[in-house]
Amino acid sequence: MKVTIDIDCTPEEARAFLGLPDLRQAQEAMLVEVQKRMEQAVRSMDPETVMKTWLPTSLEGFEQMQKLWGQFGGMKGFEKK
């Protein structure tokens, strides 16, 4: 035997029925704060700072990848001279 029940209600009605709190005001306040912080972070990052932050780690990762592939099967051309 199979029973199907369709409930047609809004999210607000479902929350109220289940006794869950309404967090819309807290969520909106948090979104405003997140937006402010993101805007501050974007304003403080100039292209030079971004490159200095990202470039060293990407170069180290590239060198490690070269060493790894050089160790696989003793491939030539990947070793650092």
PDB file of N, CA and C in Angstrom:
ATOM      1  N   MET A   1       0.848  -1.167   0.000  1.00  0.00           N
ATOM      2  CA  MET A   1       0.000   0.000   0.000  1.00  0.00           C
ATOM      3  C   MET A   1       0.898   1.235   0.000  1.00  0.00           C
ATOM      4  N   LYS A   2       0.513   2.203  -0.776  1.00  0.00           N
ATOM      5  CA  LYS A   2       1.296   3.423  -0.892  1.00  0.00           C
ATOM      6  C   LYS A   2       0.369   4.608  -0.660  1.00  0.00           C
ATOM      7  N   VAL A   3       0.797   5.517   0.209  1.00  0.00           N
ATOM      8  CA  VAL A   3       0.003   6.703   0.531  1.00  0.00           C
ATOM      9  C   VAL A   3       0.822   7.936   0.186  1.00  0.00           C
ATOM     10  N   THR A   4       0.232   8.855  -0.535  1.00  0.00           N
ATOM     11  CA  THR A   4       0.890  10.103  -0.893  1.00  0.00           C
ATOM     12  C   THR A   4       0.103  11.259  -0.311  1.00  0.00           C
ATOM     13  N   ILE A   5       0.810  12.165   0.346  1.00  0.00           N
ATOM     14  CA  ILE A   5       0.180  13.346   0.924  1.00  0.00           C
ATOM     15  C   ILE A   5       0.860  14.571   0.334  1.00  0.00           C
ATOM     16  N   ASP A   6       0.103  15.447  -0.267  1.00  0.00           N
ATOM     17  CA  ASP A   6       0.614  16.702  -0.804  1.00  0.00           C
ATOM     18  C   ASP A   6       0.206  17.831   0.135  1.00  0.00           C
ATOM     19  N   ILE A   7       1.192  18.613   0.555  1.00  0.00           N
ATOM     20  CA  ILE A   7       0.921  19.748   1.427  1.00  0.00           C
ATOM     21  C   ILE A   7       1.271  21.010   0.660  1.00  0.00           C
ATOM     22  N   ASP A   8       0.303  21.881   0.546  1.00  0.00           N
ATOM     23  CA  ASP A   8       0.495  23.131  -0.179  1.00  0.00           C
ATOM     24  C   ASP A   8       0.530  24.267   0.831  1.00  0.00           C
ATOM     25  N   CYS A   9       1.752  24.727   1.143  1.00  0.00           N
ATOM     26  CA  CYS A   9       1.885  25.834   2.092  1.00  0.00           C
ATOM     27  C   CYS A   9       3.152  26.615   1.767  1.00  0.00           C
ATOM     28  N   THR A  10       3.218  27.808   2.276  1.00  0.00           N
ATOM     29  CA  THR A  10       4.398  28.644   2.077  1.00  0.00           C
ATOM     30  C   THR A  10       5.469  28.243   3.084  1.00  0.00           C
ATOM     31  N   PRO A  11       6.718  28.629   2.860  1.00  0.00           N
ATOM     32  CA  PRO A  11       7.759  28.342   3.844  1.00  0.00           C
ATOM     33  C   PRO A  11       7.438  28.940   5.221  1.00  0.00           C
ATOM     34  N   GLU A  12       6.839  30.113   5.240  1.00  0.00           N
ATOM     35  CA  GLU A  12       6.476  30.743   6.519  1.00  0.00           C
ATOM     36  C   GLU A  12       5.448  29.897   7.257  1.00  0.00           C
ATOM     37  N   GLU A  13       4.463  29.396   6.528  1.00  0.00           N
ATOM     38  CA  GLU A  13       3.438  28.553   7.151  1.00  0.00           C
ATOM     39  C   GLU A  13       4.045  27.247   7.664  1.00  0.00           C
ATOM     40  N   ALA A  14       4.960  26.660   6.919  1.00  0.00           N
ATOM     41  CA  ALA A  14       5.607  25.421   7.351  1.00  0.00           C
ATOM     42  C   ALA A  14       6.435  25.649   8.603  1.00  0.00           C
ATOM     43  N   ARG A  15       7.195  26.762   8.650  1.00  0.00           N
ATOM     44  CA  ARG A  15       7.983  27.076   9.847  1.00  0.00           C
ATOM     45  C   ARG A  15       7.086  27.249  11.064  1.00  0.00           C
ATOM     46  N   ALA A  16       5.995  27.978  10.884  1.00  0.00           N
ATOM     47  CA  ALA A  16       5.075  28.201  12.003  1.00  0.00           C
ATOM     48  C   ALA A  16       4.457  26.883  12.462  1.00  0.00           C
ATOM     49  N   PHE A  17       4.064  26.031  11.533  1.00  0.00           N
ATOM     50  CA  PHE A  17       3.448  24.751  11.872  1.00  0.00           C
ATOM     51  C   PHE A  17       4.424  23.855  12.633  1.00  0.00           C
ATOM     52  N   LEU A  18       5.694  23.842  12.211  1.00  0.00           N
ATOM     53  CA  LEU A  18       6.703  23.006  12.861  1.00  0.00           C
ATOM     54  C   LEU A  18       7.313  23.657  14.093  1.00  0.00           C
ATOM     55  N   GLY A  19       6.977  24.913  14.350  1.00  0.00           N
ATOM     56  CA  GLY A  19       7.492  25.608  15.527  1.00  0.00           C
ATOM     57  C   GLY A  19       8.917  26.101  15.372  1.00  0.00           C
ATOM     58  N   LEU A  20       9.360  26.281  14.142  1.00  0.00           N
ATOM     59  CA  LEU A  20      10.720  26.767  13.905  1.00  0.00           C
ATOM     60  C   LEU A  20      10.742  28.290  13.967  1.00  0.00           C
ATOM     61  N   PRO A  21      11.849  28.872  14.418  1.00  0.00           N
ATOM     62  CA  PRO A  21      11.918  30.334  14.525  1.00  0.00           C
ATOM     63  C   PRO A  21      12.024  31.002  13.154  1.00  0.00           C
ATOM     64  N   ASP A  22      11.565  32.219  13.072  1.00  0.00           N
ATOM     65  CA  ASP A  22      11.669  33.023  11.858  1.00  0.00           C
ATOM     66  C   ASP A  22      12.989  33.783  11.912  1.00  0.00           C
ATOM     67  N   LEU A  23      13.913  33.422  11.077  1.00  0.00           N
ATOM     68  CA  LEU A  23      15.263  33.996  11.109  1.00  0.00           C
ATOM     69  C   LEU A  23      15.506  35.022  10.009  1.00  0.00           C
ATOM     70  N   ARG A  24      14.460  35.503   9.364  1.00  0.00           N
ATOM     71  CA  ARG A  24      14.642  36.438   8.249  1.00  0.00           C
ATOM     72  C   ARG A  24      15.373  37.712   8.666  1.00  0.00           C
ATOM     73  N   GLN A  25      15.028  38.288   9.802  1.00  0.00           N
ATOM     74  CA  GLN A  25      15.681  39.538  10.232  1.00  0.00           C
ATOM     75  C   GLN A  25      17.161  39.302  10.529  1.00  0.00           C
ATOM     76  N   ALA A  26      17.478  38.221  11.210  1.00  0.00           N
ATOM     77  CA  ALA A  26      18.884  37.919  11.504  1.00  0.00           C
ATOM     78  C   ALA A  26      19.654  37.643  10.218  1.00  0.00           C
ATOM     79  N   GLN A  27      19.022  36.938   9.295  1.00  0.00           N
ATOM     80  CA  GLN A  27      19.667  36.624   8.024  1.00  0.00           C
ATOM     81  C   GLN A  27      19.938  37.887   7.214  1.00  0.00           C
ATOM     82  N   GLU A  28      18.986  38.797   7.179  1.00  0.00           N
ATOM     83  CA  GLU A  28      19.172  40.049   6.454  1.00  0.00           C
ATOM     84  C   GLU A  28      20.287  40.881   7.075  1.00  0.00           C
ATOM     85  N   ALA A  29      20.345  40.924   8.407  1.00  0.00           N
ATOM     86  CA  ALA A  29      21.400  41.676   9.086  1.00  0.00           C
ATOM     87  C   ALA A  29      22.771  41.082   8.776  1.00  0.00           C
ATOM     88  N   MET A  30      22.872  39.762   8.758  1.00  0.00           N
ATOM     89  CA  MET A  30      24.141  39.114   8.456  1.00  0.00           C
ATOM     90  C   MET A  30      24.552  39.372   7.005  1.00  0.00           C
ATOM     91  N   LEU A  31      23.600  39.343   6.086  1.00  0.00           N
ATOM     92  CA  LEU A  31      23.925  39.610   4.689  1.00  0.00           C
ATOM     93  C   LEU A  31      24.443  41.026   4.482  1.00  0.00           C
ATOM     94  N   VAL A  32      23.860  41.985   5.198  1.00  0.00           N
ATOM     95  CA  VAL A  32      24.334  43.366   5.109  1.00  0.00           C
ATOM     96  C   VAL A  32      25.770  43.450   5.621  1.00  0.00           C
ATOM     97  N   GLU A  33      26.060  42.790   6.738  1.00  0.00           N
ATOM     98  CA  GLU A  33      27.413  42.804   7.303  1.00  0.00           C
ATOM     99  C   GLU A  33      28.415  42.133   6.366  1.00  0.00           C
ATOM    100  N   VAL A  34      28.035  41.011   5.792  1.00  0.00           N
ATOM    101  CA  VAL A  34      28.920  40.316   4.852  1.00  0.00           C
ATOM    102  C   VAL A  34      29.202  41.190   3.635  1.00  0.00           C
ATOM    103  N   GLN A  35      28.172  41.860   3.140  1.00  0.00           N
ATOM    104  CA  GLN A  35      28.350  42.733   1.981  1.00  0.00           C
ATOM    105  C   GLN A  35      29.309  43.877   2.310  1.00  0.00           C
ATOM    106  N   LYS A  36      29.169  44.478   3.492  1.00  0.00           N
ATOM    107  CA  LYS A  36      30.078  45.565   3.899  1.00  0.00           C
ATOM    108  C   LYS A  36      31.514  45.078   3.942  1.00  0.00           C
ATOM    109  N   ARG A  37      31.724  43.903   4.552  1.00  0.00           N
ATOM    110  CA  ARG A  37      33.087  43.374   4.675  1.00  0.00           C
ATOM    111  C   ARG A  37      33.686  43.029   3.314  1.00  0.00           C
ATOM    112  N   MET A  38      32.871  42.495   2.431  1.00  0.00           N
ATOM    113  CA  MET A  38      33.375  42.177   1.088  1.00  0.00           C
ATOM    114  C   MET A  38      33.752  43.441   0.330  1.00  0.00           C
ATOM    115  N   GLU A  39      32.940  44.485   0.455  1.00  0.00           N
ATOM    116  CA  GLU A  39      33.258  45.743  -0.210  1.00  0.00           C
ATOM    117  C   GLU A  39      34.553  46.333   0.330  1.00  0.00           C
ATOM    118  N   GLN A  40      34.759  46.264   1.653  1.00  0.00           N
ATOM    119  CA  GLN A  40      36.010  46.760   2.247  1.00  0.00           C
ATOM    120  C   GLN A  40      37.209  45.955   1.730  1.00  0.00           C
ATOM    121  N   ALA A  41      37.056  44.650   1.646  1.00  0.00           N
ATOM    122  CA  ALA A  41      38.158  43.809   1.186  1.00  0.00           C
ATOM    123  C   ALA A  41      38.491  44.104  -0.272  1.00  0.00           C
ATOM    124  N   VAL A  42      37.485  44.311  -1.101  1.00  0.00           N
ATOM    125  CA  VAL A  42      37.726  44.601  -2.513  1.00  0.00           C
ATOM    126  C   VAL A  42      38.414  45.949  -2.664  1.00  0.00           C
ATOM    127  N   ARG A  43      37.999  46.933  -1.892  1.00  0.00           N
ATOM    128  CA  ARG A  43      38.619  48.262  -1.984  1.00  0.00           C
ATOM    129  C   ARG A  43      40.074  48.232  -1.539  1.00  0.00           C
ATOM    130  N   SER A  44      40.393  47.390  -0.559  1.00  0.00           N
ATOM    131  CA  SER A  44      41.757  47.376  -0.021  1.00  0.00           C
ATOM    132  C   SER A  44      42.732  46.574  -0.887  1.00  0.00           C
ATOM    133  N   MET A  45      42.233  45.799  -1.825  1.00  0.00           N
ATOM    134  CA  MET A  45      43.120  44.965  -2.640  1.00  0.00           C
ATOM    135  C   MET A  45      43.397  45.628  -3.980  1.00  0.00           C
ATOM    136  N   ASP A  46      44.620  46.068  -4.160  1.00  0.00           N
ATOM    137  CA  ASP A  46      45.027  46.579  -5.459  1.00  0.00           C
ATOM    138  C   ASP A  46      45.703  45.432  -6.222  1.00  0.00           C
ATOM    139  N   PRO A  47      45.834  45.531  -7.527  1.00  0.00           N
ATOM    140  CA  PRO A  47      46.395  44.426  -8.321  1.00  0.00           C
ATOM    141  C   PRO A  47      47.791  43.984  -7.872  1.00  0.00           C
ATOM    142  N   GLU A  48      48.622  44.922  -7.457  1.00  0.00           N
ATOM    143  CA  GLU A  48      49.976  44.567  -7.023  1.00  0.00           C
ATOM    144  C   GLU A  48      49.932  43.682  -5.776  1.00  0.00           C
ATOM    145  N   THR A  49      49.076  44.024  -4.818  1.00  0.00           N
ATOM    146  CA  THR A  49      48.950  43.228  -3.599  1.00  0.00           C
ATOM    147  C   THR A  49      48.426  41.835  -3.922  1.00  0.00           C
ATOM    148  N   VAL A  50      47.465  41.762  -4.818  1.00  0.00           N
ATOM    149  CA  VAL A  50      46.909  40.466  -5.201  1.00  0.00           C
ATOM    150  C   VAL A  50      47.992  39.588  -5.815  1.00  0.00           C
ATOM    151  N   MET A  51      48.800  40.145  -6.705  1.00  0.00           N
ATOM    152  CA  MET A  51      49.859  39.368  -7.348  1.00  0.00           C
ATOM    153  C   MET A  51      50.903  38.913  -6.339  1.00  0.00           C
ATOM    154  N   LYS A  52      51.267  39.776  -5.406  1.00  0.00           N
ATOM    155  CA  LYS A  52      52.249  39.396  -4.381  1.00  0.00           C
ATOM    156  C   LYS A  52      51.687  38.302  -3.492  1.00  0.00           C
ATOM    157  N   THR A  53      50.393  38.323  -3.254  1.00  0.00           N
ATOM    158  CA  THR A  53      49.769  37.329  -2.386  1.00  0.00           C
ATOM    159  C   THR A  53      49.665  35.978  -3.087  1.00  0.00           C
ATOM    160  N   TRP A  54      49.262  35.971  -4.348  1.00  0.00           N
ATOM    161  CA  TRP A  54      48.996  34.721  -5.046  1.00  0.00           C
ATOM    162  C   TRP A  54      50.196  34.138  -5.762  1.00  0.00           C
ATOM    163  N   LEU A  55      51.075  34.948  -6.289  1.00  0.00           N
ATOM    164  CA  LEU A  55      52.146  34.462  -7.147  1.00  0.00           C
ATOM    165  C   LEU A  55      53.114  33.520  -6.438  1.00  0.00           C
ATOM    166  N   PRO A  56      53.630  33.852  -5.257  1.00  0.00           N
ATOM    167  CA  PRO A  56      54.601  32.944  -4.649  1.00  0.00           C
ATOM    168  C   PRO A  56      54.052  31.539  -4.425  1.00  0.00           C
ATOM    169  N   THR A  57      52.835  31.420  -3.969  1.00  0.00           N
ATOM    170  CA  THR A  57      52.285  30.091  -3.713  1.00  0.00           C
ATOM    171  C   THR A  57      52.057  29.330  -5.005  1.00  0.00           C
ATOM    172  N   SER A  58      51.655  30.018  -6.053  1.00  0.00           N
ATOM    173  CA  SER A  58      51.422  29.301  -7.315  1.00  0.00           C
ATOM    174  C   SER A  58      52.736  28.846  -7.929  1.00  0.00           C
ATOM    175  N   LEU A  59      53.802  29.632  -7.777  1.00  0.00           N
ATOM    176  CA  LEU A  59      55.108  29.223  -8.303  1.00  0.00           C
ATOM    177  C   LEU A  59      55.655  28.029  -7.532  1.00  0.00           C
ATOM    178  N   GLU A  60      55.483  28.032  -6.207  1.00  0.00           N
ATOM    179  CA  GLU A  60      55.940  26.895  -5.416  1.00  0.00           C
ATOM    180  C   GLU A  60      55.177  25.638  -5.802  1.00  0.00           C
ATOM    181  N   GLY A  61      53.897  25.785  -6.002  1.00  0.00           N
ATOM    182  CA  GLY A  61      53.084  24.642  -6.415  1.00  0.00           C
ATOM    183  C   GLY A  61      53.509  24.116  -7.771  1.00  0.00           C
ATOM    184  N   PHE A  62      53.854  25.014  -8.685  1.00  0.00           N
ATOM    185  CA  PHE A  62      54.309  24.613 -10.017  1.00  0.00           C
ATOM    186  C   PHE A  62      55.616  23.848  -9.920  1.00  0.00           C
ATOM    187  N   GLU A  63      56.544  24.334  -9.097  1.00  0.00           N
ATOM    188  CA  GLU A  63      57.830  23.654  -8.926  1.00  0.00           C
ATOM    189  C   GLU A  63      57.641  22.277  -8.295  1.00  0.00           C
ATOM    190  N   GLN A  64      56.752  22.178  -7.326  1.00  0.00           N
ATOM    191  CA  GLN A  64      56.484  20.884  -6.705  1.00  0.00           C
ATOM    192  C   GLN A  64      55.881  19.918  -7.714  1.00  0.00           C
ATOM    193  N   MET A  65      55.011  20.425  -8.571  1.00  0.00           N
ATOM    194  CA  MET A  65      54.398  19.589  -9.602  1.00  0.00           C
ATOM    195  C   MET A  65      55.463  19.104 -10.583  1.00  0.00           C
ATOM    196  N   GLN A  66      56.421  19.986 -10.935  1.00  0.00           N
ATOM    197  CA  GLN A  66      57.512  19.582 -11.826  1.00  0.00           C
ATOM    198  C   GLN A  66      58.336  18.468 -11.201  1.00  0.00           C
ATOM    199  N   LYS A  67      58.664  18.616  -9.907  1.00  0.00           N
ATOM    200  CA  LYS A  67      59.440  17.585  -9.215  1.00  0.00           C
ATOM    201  C   LYS A  67      58.670  16.265  -9.182  1.00  0.00           C
ATOM    202  N   LEU A  68      57.381  16.334  -8.920  1.00  0.00           N
ATOM    203  CA  LEU A  68      56.562  15.132  -8.851  1.00  0.00           C
ATOM    204  C   LEU A  68      56.561  14.402 -10.185  1.00  0.00           C
ATOM    205  N   TRP A  69      56.319  15.128 -11.273  1.00  0.00           N
ATOM    206  CA  TRP A  69      56.298  14.502 -12.588  1.00  0.00           C
ATOM    207  C   TRP A  69      57.693  14.019 -12.982  1.00  0.00           C
ATOM    208  N   GLY A  70      58.724  14.714 -12.521  1.00  0.00           N
ATOM    209  CA  GLY A  70      60.090  14.276 -12.802  1.00  0.00           C
ATOM    210  C   GLY A  70      60.413  12.963 -12.104  1.00  0.00           C
ATOM    211  N   GLN A  71      59.809  12.734 -10.941  1.00  0.00           N
ATOM    212  CA  GLN A  71      60.041  11.497 -10.201  1.00  0.00           C
ATOM    213  C   GLN A  71      59.263  10.328 -10.793  1.00  0.00           C
ATOM    214  N   PHE A  72      58.146  10.616 -11.452  1.00  0.00           N
ATOM    215  CA  PHE A  72      57.361   9.561 -12.076  1.00  0.00           C
ATOM    216  C   PHE A  72      58.103   9.043 -13.312  1.00  0.00           C
ATOM    217  N   GLY A  73      58.604   7.860 -13.204  1.00  0.00           N
ATOM    218  CA  GLY A  73      59.222   7.227 -14.371  1.00  0.00           C
ATOM    219  C   GLY A  73      60.517   7.874 -14.815  1.00  0.00           C
ATOM    220  N   GLY A  74      61.107   8.762 -14.048  1.00  0.00           N
ATOM    221  CA  GLY A  74      62.372   9.373 -14.425  1.00  0.00           C
ATOM    222  C   GLY A  74      62.294  10.161 -15.717  1.00  0.00           C
ATOM    223  N   MET A  75      61.222  10.878 -15.905  1.00  0.00           N
ATOM    224  CA  MET A  75      61.070  11.692 -17.116  1.00  0.00           C
ATOM    225  C   MET A  75      62.150  12.742 -17.210  1.00  0.00           C
ATOM    226  N   LYS A  76      62.680  12.928 -18.388  1.00  0.00           N
ATOM    227  CA  LYS A  76      63.709  13.950 -18.579  1.00  0.00           C
ATOM    228  C   LYS A  76      63.047  15.233 -19.039  1.00  0.00           C
ATOM    229  N   GLY A  77      63.674  16.340 -18.713  1.00  0.00           N
ATOM    230  CA  GLY A  77      63.151  17.647 -19.122  1.00  0.00           C
ATOM    231  C   GLY A  77      62.396  18.334 -18.016  1.00  0.00           C
ATOM    232  N   PHE A  78      62.031  17.596 -16.992  1.00  0.00           N
ATOM    233  CA  PHE A  78      61.306  18.205 -15.884  1.00  0.00           C
ATOM    234  C   PHE A  78      62.213  18.506 -14.701  1.00  0.00           C
ATOM    235  N   GLU A  79      63.408  17.892 -14.684  1.00  0.00           N
ATOM    236  CA  GLU A  79      64.310  18.130 -13.575  1.00  0.00           C
ATOM    237  C   GLU A  79      64.829  19.552 -13.611  1.00  0.00           C
ATOM    238  N   LYS A  80      65.052  20.095 -12.425  1.00  0.00           N
ATOM    239  CA  LYS A  80      65.604  21.436 -12.319  1.00  0.00           C
ATOM    240  C   LYS A  80      67.116  21.345 -12.531  1.00  0.00           C
ATOM    241  N   LYS A  81      67.646  22.158 -13.423  1.00  0.00           N
ATOM    242  CA  LYS A  81      69.081  22.119 -13.742  1.00  0.00           C
ATOM    243  C   LYS A  81      69.828  23.162 -12.970  1.00  0.00           C
TER     244      LYS A  81
END
